[in-house]
PDB file of N, CA and C in Angstrom:
ATOM      1  N   UNK A   1       1.254  -8.960  -3.991  1.00  0.00           N
ATOM      2  CA  UNK A   1       1.935  -9.593  -2.881  1.00  0.00           C
ATOM      3  C   UNK A   1       1.048  -9.515  -1.677  1.00  0.00           C
ATOM      4  N   UNK A   2       0.949 -10.678  -0.962  1.00  0.00           N
ATOM      5  CA  UNK A   2       0.156 -10.655   0.271  1.00  0.00           C
ATOM      6  C   UNK A   2       1.027 -10.193   1.429  1.00  0.00           C
ATOM      7  N   UNK A   3       0.388 -10.040   2.598  1.00  0.00           N
ATOM      8  CA  UNK A   3       1.054  -9.496   3.731  1.00  0.00           C
ATOM      9  C   UNK A   3       2.197 -10.404   4.221  1.00  0.00           C
ATOM     10  N   UNK A   4       1.950 -11.753   4.268  1.00  0.00           N
ATOM     11  CA  UNK A   4       2.973 -12.636   4.717  1.00  0.00           C
ATOM     12  C   UNK A   4       4.189 -12.571   3.757  1.00  0.00           C
ATOM     13  N   UNK A   5       3.919 -12.535   2.482  1.00  0.00           N
ATOM     14  CA  UNK A   5       5.079 -12.476   1.539  1.00  0.00           C
ATOM     15  C   UNK A   5       5.867 -11.227   1.724  1.00  0.00           C
ATOM     16  N   UNK A   6       5.235 -10.083   2.121  1.00  0.00           N
ATOM     17  CA  UNK A   6       5.884  -8.869   2.349  1.00  0.00           C
ATOM     18  C   UNK A   6       6.877  -9.068   3.606  1.00  0.00           C
ATOM     19  N   UNK A   7       6.312  -9.745   4.579  1.00  0.00           N
ATOM     20  CA  UNK A   7       7.218 -10.019   5.779  1.00  0.00           C
ATOM     21  C   UNK A   7       8.360 -10.934   5.350  1.00  0.00           C
ATOM     22  N   UNK A   8       8.069 -12.012   4.611  1.00  0.00           N
ATOM     23  CA  UNK A   8       9.089 -12.929   4.256  1.00  0.00           C
ATOM     24  C   UNK A   8      10.177 -12.291   3.497  1.00  0.00           C
ATOM     25  N   UNK A   9       9.864 -11.410   2.519  1.00  0.00           N
ATOM     26  CA  UNK A   9      10.824 -10.774   1.701  1.00  0.00           C
ATOM     27  C   UNK A   9      11.699  -9.763   2.455  1.00  0.00           C
ATOM     28  N   UNK A  10      11.101  -9.199   3.460  1.00  0.00           N
ATOM     29  CA  UNK A  10      11.814  -8.117   4.266  1.00  0.00           C
ATOM     30  C   UNK A  10      12.554  -8.695   5.466  1.00  0.00           C
ATOM     31  N   UNK A  11      12.403  -9.950   5.817  1.00  0.00           N
ATOM     32  CA  UNK A  11      13.030 -10.521   6.956  1.00  0.00           C
ATOM     33  C   UNK A  11      14.597 -10.438   6.726  1.00  0.00           C
ATOM     34  N   UNK A  12      15.328  -9.938   7.727  1.00  0.00           N
ATOM     35  CA  UNK A  12      16.762  -9.901   7.537  1.00  0.00           C
ATOM     36  C   UNK A  12      17.369 -11.261   7.483  1.00  0.00           C
ATOM     37  N   UNK A  13      18.174 -11.519   6.543  1.00  0.00           N
ATOM     38  CA  UNK A  13      18.751 -12.875   6.362  1.00  0.00           C
ATOM     39  C   UNK A  13      20.159 -12.946   6.996  1.00  0.00           C
ATOM     40  N   UNK A  14      21.076 -12.071   6.612  1.00  0.00           N
ATOM     41  CA  UNK A  14      22.410 -12.043   7.133  1.00  0.00           C
ATOM     42  C   UNK A  14      23.071 -13.419   7.143  1.00  0.00           C
ATOM     43  N   UNK A  15      22.822 -14.170   6.078  1.00  0.00           N
ATOM     44  CA  UNK A  15      23.461 -15.451   5.987  1.00  0.00           C
ATOM     45  C   UNK A  15      22.942 -16.549   6.992  1.00  0.00           C
ATOM     46  N   UNK A  16      21.881 -16.251   7.665  1.00  0.00           N
ATOM     47  CA  UNK A  16      21.300 -17.209   8.622  1.00  0.00           C
ATOM     48  C   UNK A  16      20.065 -17.842   8.085  1.00  0.00           C
ATOM     49  N   UNK A  17      19.813 -19.021   8.590  1.00  0.00           N
ATOM     50  CA  UNK A  17      18.550 -19.745   8.221  1.00  0.00           C
ATOM     51  C   UNK A  17      17.360 -19.027   8.753  1.00  0.00           C
ATOM     52  N   UNK A  18      16.310 -18.924   7.983  1.00  0.00           N
ATOM     53  CA  UNK A  18      15.058 -18.249   8.374  1.00  0.00           C
ATOM     54  C   UNK A  18      14.004 -19.217   8.909  1.00  0.00           C
ATOM     55  N   UNK A  19      14.226 -20.502   8.713  1.00  0.00           N
ATOM     56  CA  UNK A  19      13.281 -21.495   9.174  1.00  0.00           C
ATOM     57  C   UNK A  19      12.276 -21.818   8.069  1.00  0.00           C
ATOM     58  N   UNK A  20      11.346 -22.775   8.337  1.00  0.00           N
ATOM     59  CA  UNK A  20      10.393 -23.232   7.384  1.00  0.00           C
ATOM     60  C   UNK A  20       9.326 -22.180   7.074  1.00  0.00           C
ATOM     61  N   UNK A  21       9.208 -21.854   5.757  1.00  0.00           N
ATOM     62  CA  UNK A  21       8.253 -20.874   5.310  1.00  0.00           C
ATOM     63  C   UNK A  21       6.795 -21.276   5.640  1.00  0.00           C
ATOM     64  N   UNK A  22       6.455 -22.524   5.353  1.00  0.00           N
ATOM     65  CA  UNK A  22       5.122 -23.010   5.561  1.00  0.00           C
ATOM     66  C   UNK A  22       4.649 -22.846   6.947  1.00  0.00           C
ATOM     67  N   UNK A  23       5.498 -23.220   7.901  1.00  0.00           N
ATOM     68  CA  UNK A  23       5.133 -23.096   9.352  1.00  0.00           C
ATOM     69  C   UNK A  23       4.991 -21.592   9.758  1.00  0.00           C
ATOM     70  N   UNK A  24       5.851 -20.781   9.203  1.00  0.00           N
ATOM     71  CA  UNK A  24       5.804 -19.392   9.503  1.00  0.00           C
ATOM     72  C   UNK A  24       4.467 -18.765   8.915  1.00  0.00           C
ATOM     73  N   UNK A  25       4.127 -19.176   7.737  1.00  0.00           N
ATOM     74  CA  UNK A  25       2.968 -18.608   7.091  1.00  0.00           C
ATOM     75  C   UNK A  25       1.692 -19.081   7.916  1.00  0.00           C
ATOM     76  N   UNK A  26       1.623 -20.305   8.348  1.00  0.00           N
ATOM     77  CA  UNK A  26       0.496 -20.749   9.143  1.00  0.00           C
ATOM     78  C   UNK A  26       0.437 -19.984  10.491  1.00  0.00           C
ATOM     79  N   UNK A  27       1.571 -19.728  11.094  1.00  0.00           N
ATOM     80  CA  UNK A  27       1.538 -19.013  12.449  1.00  0.00           C
ATOM     81  C   UNK A  27       1.171 -17.518  12.156  1.00  0.00           C
ATOM     82  N   UNK A  28       1.644 -17.016  11.096  1.00  0.00           N
ATOM     83  CA  UNK A  28       1.294 -15.577  10.757  1.00  0.00           C
ATOM     84  C   UNK A  28      -0.268 -15.535  10.596  1.00  0.00           C
ATOM     85  N   UNK A  29      -0.898 -16.463   9.936  1.00  0.00           N
ATOM     86  CA  UNK A  29      -2.362 -16.425   9.726  1.00  0.00           C
ATOM     87  C   UNK A  29      -3.084 -16.540  11.110  1.00  0.00           C
ATOM     88  N   UNK A  30      -2.472 -17.253  12.030  1.00  0.00           N
ATOM     89  CA  UNK A  30      -3.095 -17.352  13.356  1.00  0.00           C
ATOM     90  C   UNK A  30      -2.868 -16.085  14.206  1.00  0.00           C
ATOM     91  N   UNK A  31      -1.764 -15.499  14.057  1.00  0.00           N
ATOM     92  CA  UNK A  31      -1.439 -14.338  15.020  1.00  0.00           C
ATOM     93  C   UNK A  31      -1.709 -12.960  14.437  1.00  0.00           C
ATOM     94  N   UNK A  32      -1.528 -12.750  13.130  1.00  0.00           N
ATOM     95  CA  UNK A  32      -1.693 -11.381  12.590  1.00  0.00           C
ATOM     96  C   UNK A  32      -2.947 -11.330  11.758  1.00  0.00           C
ATOM     97  N   UNK A  33      -3.984 -10.739  12.389  1.00  0.00           N
ATOM     98  CA  UNK A  33      -5.291 -10.812  11.728  1.00  0.00           C
ATOM     99  C   UNK A  33      -5.814  -9.418  11.225  1.00  0.00           C
ATOM    100  N   UNK A  34      -5.066  -8.382  11.521  1.00  0.00           N
ATOM    101  CA  UNK A  34      -5.463  -7.085  11.060  1.00  0.00           C
ATOM    102  C   UNK A  34      -4.367  -6.371  10.318  1.00  0.00           C
ATOM    103  N   UNK A  35      -4.788  -5.404   9.457  1.00  0.00           N
ATOM    104  CA  UNK A  35      -3.721  -4.616   8.729  1.00  0.00           C
ATOM    105  C   UNK A  35      -2.914  -3.781   9.723  1.00  0.00           C
ATOM    106  N   UNK A  36      -3.513  -3.320  10.740  1.00  0.00           N
ATOM    107  CA  UNK A  36      -2.862  -2.463  11.767  1.00  0.00           C
ATOM    108  C   UNK A  36      -1.736  -3.314  12.407  1.00  0.00           C
ATOM    109  N   UNK A  37      -1.982  -4.547  12.773  1.00  0.00           N
ATOM    110  CA  UNK A  37      -1.027  -5.417  13.391  1.00  0.00           C
ATOM    111  C   UNK A  37       0.069  -5.765  12.388  1.00  0.00           C
ATOM    112  N   UNK A  38      -0.328  -6.025  11.090  1.00  0.00           N
ATOM    113  CA  UNK A  38       0.632  -6.255  10.074  1.00  0.00           C
ATOM    114  C   UNK A  38       1.593  -5.070   9.970  1.00  0.00           C
ATOM    115  N   UNK A  39       1.080  -3.835   9.959  1.00  0.00           N
ATOM    116  CA  UNK A  39       1.931  -2.658   9.900  1.00  0.00           C
ATOM    117  C   UNK A  39       2.875  -2.605  11.056  1.00  0.00           C
ATOM    118  N   UNK A  40       2.420  -2.946  12.256  1.00  0.00           N
ATOM    119  CA  UNK A  40       3.263  -2.978  13.490  1.00  0.00           C
ATOM    120  C   UNK A  40       4.398  -4.035  13.293  1.00  0.00           C
ATOM    121  N   UNK A  41       4.030  -5.192  12.766  1.00  0.00           N
ATOM    122  CA  UNK A  41       5.046  -6.213  12.537  1.00  0.00           C
ATOM    123  C   UNK A  41       6.111  -5.760  11.593  1.00  0.00           C
ATOM    124  N   UNK A  42       5.675  -5.119  10.443  1.00  0.00           N
ATOM    125  CA  UNK A  42       6.639  -4.678   9.474  1.00  0.00           C
ATOM    126  C   UNK A  42       7.540  -3.559  10.081  1.00  0.00           C
ATOM    127  N   UNK A  43       6.956  -2.646  10.849  1.00  0.00           N
ATOM    128  CA  UNK A  43       7.752  -1.595  11.461  1.00  0.00           C
ATOM    129  C   UNK A  43       8.786  -2.219  12.475  1.00  0.00           C
ATOM    130  N   UNK A  44       8.326  -3.214  13.171  1.00  0.00           N
ATOM    131  CA  UNK A  44       9.255  -3.880  14.083  1.00  0.00           C
ATOM    132  C   UNK A  44      10.379  -4.591  13.311  1.00  0.00           C
ATOM    133  N   UNK A  45      10.077  -5.172  12.193  1.00  0.00           N
ATOM    134  CA  UNK A  45      11.169  -5.782  11.341  1.00  0.00           C
ATOM    135  C   UNK A  45      12.121  -4.718  10.912  1.00  0.00           C
ATOM    136  N   UNK A  46      11.554  -3.577  10.443  1.00  0.00           N
ATOM    137  CA  UNK A  46      12.436  -2.472  10.020  1.00  0.00           C
ATOM    138  C   UNK A  46      13.312  -2.019  11.205  1.00  0.00           C
ATOM    139  N   UNK A  47      12.673  -1.868  12.375  1.00  0.00           N
ATOM    140  CA  UNK A  47      13.389  -1.493  13.568  1.00  0.00           C
ATOM    141  C   UNK A  47      14.541  -2.418  13.927  1.00  0.00           C
ATOM    142  N   UNK A  48      14.263  -3.789  13.823  1.00  0.00           N
ATOM    143  CA  UNK A  48      15.221  -4.764  14.032  1.00  0.00           C
ATOM    144  C   UNK A  48      16.425  -4.618  12.992  1.00  0.00           C
ATOM    145  N   UNK A  49      16.077  -4.336  11.792  1.00  0.00           N
ATOM    146  CA  UNK A  49      17.115  -4.156  10.811  1.00  0.00           C
ATOM    147  C   UNK A  49      18.014  -2.892  11.163  1.00  0.00           C
ATOM    148  N   UNK A  50      17.363  -1.804  11.590  1.00  0.00           N
ATOM    149  CA  UNK A  50      18.091  -0.635  11.941  1.00  0.00           C
ATOM    150  C   UNK A  50      19.006  -0.893  13.146  1.00  0.00           C
ATOM    151  N   UNK A  51      18.488  -1.567  14.115  1.00  0.00           N
ATOM    152  CA  UNK A  51      19.319  -1.890  15.326  1.00  0.00           C
ATOM    153  C   UNK A  51      20.472  -2.794  14.987  1.00  0.00           C
ATOM    154  N   UNK A  52      20.192  -3.807  14.202  1.00  0.00           N
ATOM    155  CA  UNK A  52      21.228  -4.768  13.814  1.00  0.00           C
ATOM    156  C   UNK A  52      22.346  -4.080  12.993  1.00  0.00           C
ATOM    157  N   UNK A  53      21.911  -3.204  12.041  1.00  0.00           N
ATOM    158  CA  UNK A  53      22.891  -2.428  11.355  1.00  0.00           C
ATOM    159  C   UNK A  53      23.795  -1.551  12.187  1.00  0.00           C
ATOM    160  N   UNK A  54      23.173  -0.957  13.223  1.00  0.00           N
ATOM    161  CA  UNK A  54      23.923  -0.127  14.166  1.00  0.00           C
ATOM    162  C   UNK A  54      24.899  -1.034  14.948  1.00  0.00           C
ATOM    163  N   UNK A  55      24.477  -2.185  15.363  1.00  0.00           N
ATOM    164  CA  UNK A  55      25.327  -3.052  16.075  1.00  0.00           C
ATOM    165  C   UNK A  55      26.548  -3.501  15.231  1.00  0.00           C
ATOM    166  N   UNK A  56      26.253  -3.817  13.959  1.00  0.00           N
ATOM    167  CA  UNK A  56      27.280  -4.166  13.025  1.00  0.00           C
ATOM    168  C   UNK A  56      28.309  -3.028  12.846  1.00  0.00           C
ATOM    169  N   UNK A  57      27.712  -1.804  12.659  1.00  0.00           N
ATOM    170  CA  UNK A  57      28.568  -0.657  12.406  1.00  0.00           C
ATOM    171  C   UNK A  57      29.488  -0.258  13.573  1.00  0.00           C
ATOM    172  N   UNK A  58      29.083  -0.628  14.767  1.00  0.00           N
ATOM    173  CA  UNK A  58      29.947  -0.322  15.977  1.00  0.00           C
ATOM    174  C   UNK A  58      30.698  -1.547  16.396  1.00  0.00           C
ATOM    175  N   UNK A  59      30.783  -2.587  15.594  1.00  0.00           N
ATOM    176  CA  UNK A  59      31.511  -3.860  15.918  1.00  0.00           C
ATOM    177  C   UNK A  59      31.038  -4.400  17.279  1.00  0.00           C
ATOM    178  N   UNK A  60      29.735  -4.272  17.581  1.00  0.00           N
ATOM    179  CA  UNK A  60      29.166  -4.825  18.781  1.00  0.00           C
ATOM    180  C   UNK A  60      28.665  -6.255  18.493  1.00  0.00           C
ATOM    181  N   UNK A  61      28.419  -6.955  19.587  1.00  0.00           N
ATOM    182  CA  UNK A  61      27.839  -8.319  19.472  1.00  0.00           C
ATOM    183  C   UNK A  61      26.444  -8.192  18.783  1.00  0.00           C
ATOM    184  N   UNK A  62      26.174  -8.999  17.820  1.00  0.00           N
ATOM    185  CA  UNK A  62      24.908  -9.014  17.166  1.00  0.00           C
ATOM    186  C   UNK A  62      24.298 -10.415  17.358  1.00  0.00           C
ATOM    187  N   UNK A  63      23.193 -10.516  18.144  1.00  0.00           N
ATOM    188  CA  UNK A  63      22.611 -11.798  18.439  1.00  0.00           C
ATOM    189  C   UNK A  63      22.080 -12.476  17.194  1.00  0.00           C
ATOM    190  N   UNK A  64      22.066 -13.814  17.256  1.00  0.00           N
ATOM    191  CA  UNK A  64      21.511 -14.538  16.112  1.00  0.00           C
ATOM    192  C   UNK A  64      19.993 -14.280  15.941  1.00  0.00           C
ATOM    193  N   UNK A  65      19.547 -14.201  14.755  1.00  0.00           N
ATOM    194  CA  UNK A  65      18.125 -14.019  14.483  1.00  0.00           C
ATOM    195  C   UNK A  65      17.327 -15.279  14.840  1.00  0.00           C
ATOM    196  N   UNK A  66      16.126 -15.102  15.353  1.00  0.00           N
ATOM    197  CA  UNK A  66      15.292 -16.284  15.480  1.00  0.00           C
ATOM    198  C   UNK A  66      14.692 -16.672  14.155  1.00  0.00           C
ATOM    199  N   UNK A  67      14.196 -17.898  14.075  1.00  0.00           N
ATOM    200  CA  UNK A  67      13.463 -18.254  12.843  1.00  0.00           C
ATOM    201  C   UNK A  67      12.233 -17.409  12.761  1.00  0.00           C
ATOM    202  N   UNK A  68      11.775 -17.163  11.652  1.00  0.00           N
ATOM    203  CA  UNK A  68      10.531 -16.327  11.464  1.00  0.00           C
ATOM    204  C   UNK A  68       9.389 -16.929  12.194  1.00  0.00           C
ATOM    205  N   UNK A  69       9.224 -18.250  12.153  1.00  0.00           N
ATOM    206  CA  UNK A  69       8.081 -18.888  12.820  1.00  0.00           C
ATOM    207  C   UNK A  69       8.069 -18.585  14.290  1.00  0.00           C
ATOM    208  N   UNK A  70       9.286 -18.718  14.921  1.00  0.00           N
ATOM    209  CA  UNK A  70       9.428 -18.500  16.358  1.00  0.00           C
ATOM    210  C   UNK A  70       9.171 -17.024  16.698  1.00  0.00           C
ATOM    211  N   UNK A  71       9.632 -16.133  15.842  1.00  0.00           N
ATOM    212  CA  UNK A  71       9.479 -14.684  16.053  1.00  0.00           C
ATOM    213  C   UNK A  71       8.038 -14.362  16.089  1.00  0.00           C
ATOM    214  N   UNK A  72       7.264 -14.941  15.167  1.00  0.00           N
ATOM    215  CA  UNK A  72       5.810 -14.686  15.023  1.00  0.00           C
ATOM    216  C   UNK A  72       5.079 -15.405  16.194  1.00  0.00           C
ATOM    217  N   UNK A  73       5.412 -16.658  16.474  1.00  0.00           N
ATOM    218  CA  UNK A  73       4.769 -17.410  17.525  1.00  0.00           C
ATOM    219  C   UNK A  73       4.896 -16.705  18.873  1.00  0.00           C
ATOM    220  N   UNK A  74       6.111 -16.112  19.121  1.00  0.00           N
ATOM    221  CA  UNK A  74       6.342 -15.507  20.399  1.00  0.00           C
ATOM    222  C   UNK A  74       5.991 -14.021  20.415  1.00  0.00           C
ATOM    223  N   UNK A  75       5.371 -13.538  19.330  1.00  0.00           N
ATOM    224  CA  UNK A  75       4.930 -12.161  19.210  1.00  0.00           C
ATOM    225  C   UNK A  75       6.064 -11.194  19.531  1.00  0.00           C
ATOM    226  N   UNK A  76       7.165 -11.409  18.945  1.00  0.00           N
ATOM    227  CA  UNK A  76       8.374 -10.655  19.241  1.00  0.00           C
ATOM    228  C   UNK A  76       8.319  -9.225  18.797  1.00  0.00           C
ATOM    229  N   UNK A  77       7.363  -8.831  17.998  1.00  0.00           N
ATOM    230  CA  UNK A  77       7.180  -7.425  17.606  1.00  0.00           C
ATOM    231  C   UNK A  77       6.794  -6.632  18.826  1.00  0.00           C
ATOM    232  N   UNK A  78       6.387  -7.310  19.973  1.00  0.00           N
ATOM    233  CA  UNK A  78       6.103  -6.602  21.219  1.00  0.00           C
ATOM    234  C   UNK A  78       7.351  -6.453  22.079  1.00  0.00           C
ATOM    235  N   UNK A  79       8.483  -6.993  21.738  1.00  0.00           N
ATOM    236  CA  UNK A  79       9.698  -6.848  22.520  1.00  0.00           C
ATOM    237  C   UNK A  79      10.106  -5.387  22.627  1.00  0.00           C
ATOM    238  N   UNK A  80      10.740  -5.087  23.753  1.00  0.00           N
ATOM    239  CA  UNK A  80      11.329  -3.740  23.946  1.00  0.00           C
ATOM    240  C   UNK A  80      12.411  -3.543  22.958  1.00  0.00           C
ATOM    241  N   UNK A  81      12.539  -2.356  22.436  1.00  0.00           N
ATOM    242  CA  UNK A  81      13.568  -1.959  21.503  1.00  0.00           C
ATOM    243  C   UNK A  81      14.349  -0.803  21.907  1.00  0.00           C
ATOM    244  N   UNK A  82      15.595  -0.626  21.535  1.00  0.00           N
ATOM    245  CA  UNK A  82      16.413   0.506  21.936  1.00  0.00           C
ATOM    246  C   UNK A  82      15.776   1.875  21.501  1.00  0.00           C
ATOM    247  N   UNK A  83      16.106   2.906  22.245  1.00  0.00           N
ATOM    248  CA  UNK A  83      15.499   4.227  22.082  1.00  0.00           C
ATOM    249  C   UNK A  83      15.698   4.723  20.699  1.00  0.00           C
ATOM    250  N   UNK A  84      16.865   4.511  20.077  1.00  0.00           N
ATOM    251  CA  UNK A  84      17.099   5.020  18.727  1.00  0.00           C
ATOM    252  C   UNK A  84      16.136   4.422  17.716  1.00  0.00           C
ATOM    253  N   UNK A  85      15.755   3.187  17.944  1.00  0.00           N
ATOM    254  CA  UNK A  85      14.752   2.499  17.070  1.00  0.00           C
ATOM    255  C   UNK A  85      13.348   2.941  17.388  1.00  0.00           C
ATOM    256  N   UNK A  86      13.039   3.297  18.661  1.00  0.00           N
ATOM    257  CA  UNK A  86      11.746   3.818  19.047  1.00  0.00           C
ATOM    258  C   UNK A  86      11.481   5.100  18.336  1.00  0.00           C
ATOM    259  N   UNK A  87      12.406   5.994  18.255  1.00  0.00           N
ATOM    260  CA  UNK A  87      12.216   7.240  17.540  1.00  0.00           C
ATOM    261  C   UNK A  87      11.957   6.996  16.078  1.00  0.00           C
ATOM    262  N   UNK A  88      12.708   6.100  15.439  1.00  0.00           N
ATOM    263  CA  UNK A  88      12.541   5.804  14.004  1.00  0.00           C
ATOM    264  C   UNK A  88      11.193   5.192  13.814  1.00  0.00           C
ATOM    265  N   UNK A  89      10.752   4.280  14.740  1.00  0.00           N
ATOM    266  CA  UNK A  89       9.478   3.611  14.620  1.00  0.00           C
ATOM    267  C   UNK A  89       8.356   4.617  14.719  1.00  0.00           C
ATOM    268  N   UNK A  90       8.437   5.573  15.622  1.00  0.00           N
ATOM    269  CA  UNK A  90       7.397   6.595  15.792  1.00  0.00           C
ATOM    270  C   UNK A  90       7.326   7.459  14.562  1.00  0.00           C
ATOM    271  N   UNK A  91       8.446   7.809  13.942  1.00  0.00           N
ATOM    272  CA  UNK A  91       8.433   8.554  12.734  1.00  0.00           C
ATOM    273  C   UNK A  91       7.749   7.800  11.608  1.00  0.00           C
ATOM    274  N   UNK A  92       7.954   6.474  11.531  1.00  0.00           N
ATOM    275  CA  UNK A  92       7.298   5.705  10.483  1.00  0.00           C
ATOM    276  C   UNK A  92       5.811   5.712  10.752  1.00  0.00           C
ATOM    277  N   UNK A  93       5.362   5.426  12.011  1.00  0.00           N
ATOM    278  CA  UNK A  93       3.988   5.349  12.368  1.00  0.00           C
ATOM    279  C   UNK A  93       3.301   6.667  11.993  1.00  0.00           C
ATOM    280  N   UNK A  94       3.954   7.773  12.307  1.00  0.00           N
ATOM    281  CA  UNK A  94       3.402   9.079  11.947  1.00  0.00           C
ATOM    282  C   UNK A  94       3.197   9.205  10.480  1.00  0.00           C
ATOM    283  N   UNK A  95       4.166   8.741   9.730  1.00  0.00           N
ATOM    284  CA  UNK A  95       4.038   8.828   8.248  1.00  0.00           C
ATOM    285  C   UNK A  95       2.925   7.916   7.685  1.00  0.00           C
ATOM    286  N   UNK A  96       2.772   6.736   8.312  1.00  0.00           N
ATOM    287  CA  UNK A  96       1.766   5.890   7.944  1.00  0.00           C
ATOM    288  C   UNK A  96       0.316   6.361   8.201  1.00  0.00           C
ATOM    289  N   UNK A  97       0.193   7.086   9.316  1.00  0.00           N
ATOM    290  CA  UNK A  97      -1.147   7.582   9.729  1.00  0.00           C
ATOM    291  C   UNK A  97      -1.479   8.948   9.066  1.00  0.00           C
ATOM    292  N   UNK A  98      -0.467   9.535   8.453  1.00  0.00           N
ATOM    293  CA  UNK A  98      -0.716  10.884   7.857  1.00  0.00           C
ATOM    294  C   UNK A  98      -1.436  10.687   6.477  1.00  0.00           C
ATOM    295  N   UNK A  99      -2.664  11.041   6.423  1.00  0.00           N
ATOM    296  CA  UNK A  99      -3.444  11.007   5.154  1.00  0.00           C
ATOM    297  C   UNK A  99      -3.684  12.364   4.582  1.00  0.00           C
ATOM    298  N   UNK A 100      -2.974  13.399   5.106  1.00  0.00           N
ATOM    299  CA  UNK A 100      -3.248  14.735   4.622  1.00  0.00           C
ATOM    300  C   UNK A 100      -3.014  14.850   3.091  1.00  0.00           C
ATOM    301  N   UNK A 101      -2.131  14.022   2.556  1.00  0.00           N
ATOM    302  CA  UNK A 101      -1.830  14.061   1.185  1.00  0.00           C
ATOM    303  C   UNK A 101      -3.121  13.743   0.341  1.00  0.00           C
ATOM    304  N   UNK A 102      -4.118  13.026   0.925  1.00  0.00           N
ATOM    305  CA  UNK A 102      -5.268  12.614   0.249  1.00  0.00           C
ATOM    306  C   UNK A 102      -6.216  13.799   0.006  1.00  0.00           C
ATOM    307  N   UNK A 103      -6.000  14.865   0.805  1.00  0.00           N
ATOM    308  CA  UNK A 103      -6.868  16.036   0.659  1.00  0.00           C
ATOM    309  C   UNK A 103      -6.359  17.048  -0.354  1.00  0.00           C
ATOM    310  N   UNK A 104      -5.286  16.773  -1.005  1.00  0.00           N
ATOM    311  CA  UNK A 104      -4.662  17.707  -1.920  1.00  0.00           C
ATOM    312  C   UNK A 104      -4.836  17.212  -3.348  1.00  0.00           C
ATOM    313  N   UNK A 105      -6.077  17.220  -3.788  1.00  0.00           N
ATOM    314  CA  UNK A 105      -6.408  16.802  -5.115  1.00  0.00           C
ATOM    315  C   UNK A 105      -6.563  17.974  -6.111  1.00  0.00           C
ATOM    316  N   UNK A 106      -6.260  19.157  -5.647  1.00  0.00           N
ATOM    317  CA  UNK A 106      -6.446  20.346  -6.461  1.00  0.00           C
ATOM    318  C   UNK A 106      -5.680  20.277  -7.788  1.00  0.00           C
ATOM    319  N   UNK A 107      -4.488  19.720  -7.785  1.00  0.00           N
ATOM    320  CA  UNK A 107      -3.639  19.702  -8.999  1.00  0.00           C
ATOM    321  C   UNK A 107      -3.745  18.341  -9.670  1.00  0.00           C
ATOM    322  N   UNK A 108      -4.658  17.497  -9.266  1.00  0.00           N
ATOM    323  CA  UNK A 108      -4.742  16.155  -9.844  1.00  0.00           C
ATOM    324  C   UNK A 108      -5.365  16.227 -11.200  1.00  0.00           C
ATOM    325  N   UNK A 109      -4.798  15.719 -12.152  1.00  0.00           N
ATOM    326  CA  UNK A 109      -5.330  15.675 -13.491  1.00  0.00           C
ATOM    327  C   UNK A 109      -5.605  14.293 -13.900  1.00  0.00           C
ATOM    328  N   UNK A 110      -6.859  14.033 -14.307  1.00  0.00           N
ATOM    329  CA  UNK A 110      -7.294  12.638 -14.645  1.00  0.00           C
ATOM    330  C   UNK A 110      -7.466  12.682 -16.125  1.00  0.00           C
ATOM    331  N   UNK A 111      -6.847  11.710 -16.764  1.00  0.00           N
ATOM    332  CA  UNK A 111      -6.995  11.521 -18.194  1.00  0.00           C
ATOM    333  C   UNK A 111      -7.491  10.163 -18.488  1.00  0.00           C
ATOM    334  N   UNK A 112      -8.235  10.017 -19.598  1.00  0.00           N
ATOM    335  CA  UNK A 112      -8.732   8.781 -20.076  1.00  0.00           C
ATOM    336  C   UNK A 112      -8.219   8.449 -21.437  1.00  0.00           C
ATOM    337  N   UNK A 113      -7.589   7.303 -21.591  1.00  0.00           N
ATOM    338  CA  UNK A 113      -7.069   6.856 -22.901  1.00  0.00           C
ATOM    339  C   UNK A 113      -8.068   5.925 -23.488  1.00  0.00           C
ATOM    340  N   UNK A 114      -8.663   6.395 -24.609  1.00  0.00           N
ATOM    341  CA  UNK A 114      -9.488   5.493 -25.375  1.00  0.00           C
ATOM    342  C   UNK A 114     -10.885   5.709 -25.147  1.00  0.00           C
TER     343      UNK A 114
END
C-alpha cells in the first residue's frame, strides 16, 4: 500500500462524500513529499478522528468534513487542534520516533527454512 492509499483508507467517512480520489491523489503528490510529512498527515487524521468521536460522544456539534482534496490543498494538517488531541498526537509522535526496540536483538532467533 502506498502512502496516499493509507491516507484514503483512513479518512473518516461518517456517511459524507470524500470527493474525487484522482484529484486528491494528485494534490497529495504535490504537497506531501517526505515520509516525515506523511506521518504528520496521518497523525493529524487520527487526531481529527479522536476529536470528532469526542464531539459525537458529548452530543456536540460536529462540523462537516472537507473533501480530502481540499484538506490536502489547504494543508489542514497544520490547523490548530484541541488540547486533548495534542496530547494524543505527542504520544503517537513519541512512539513513532522511539527506535529503542531495534537495539534489543539479544533474544532474536533467526531460522532458515530450506
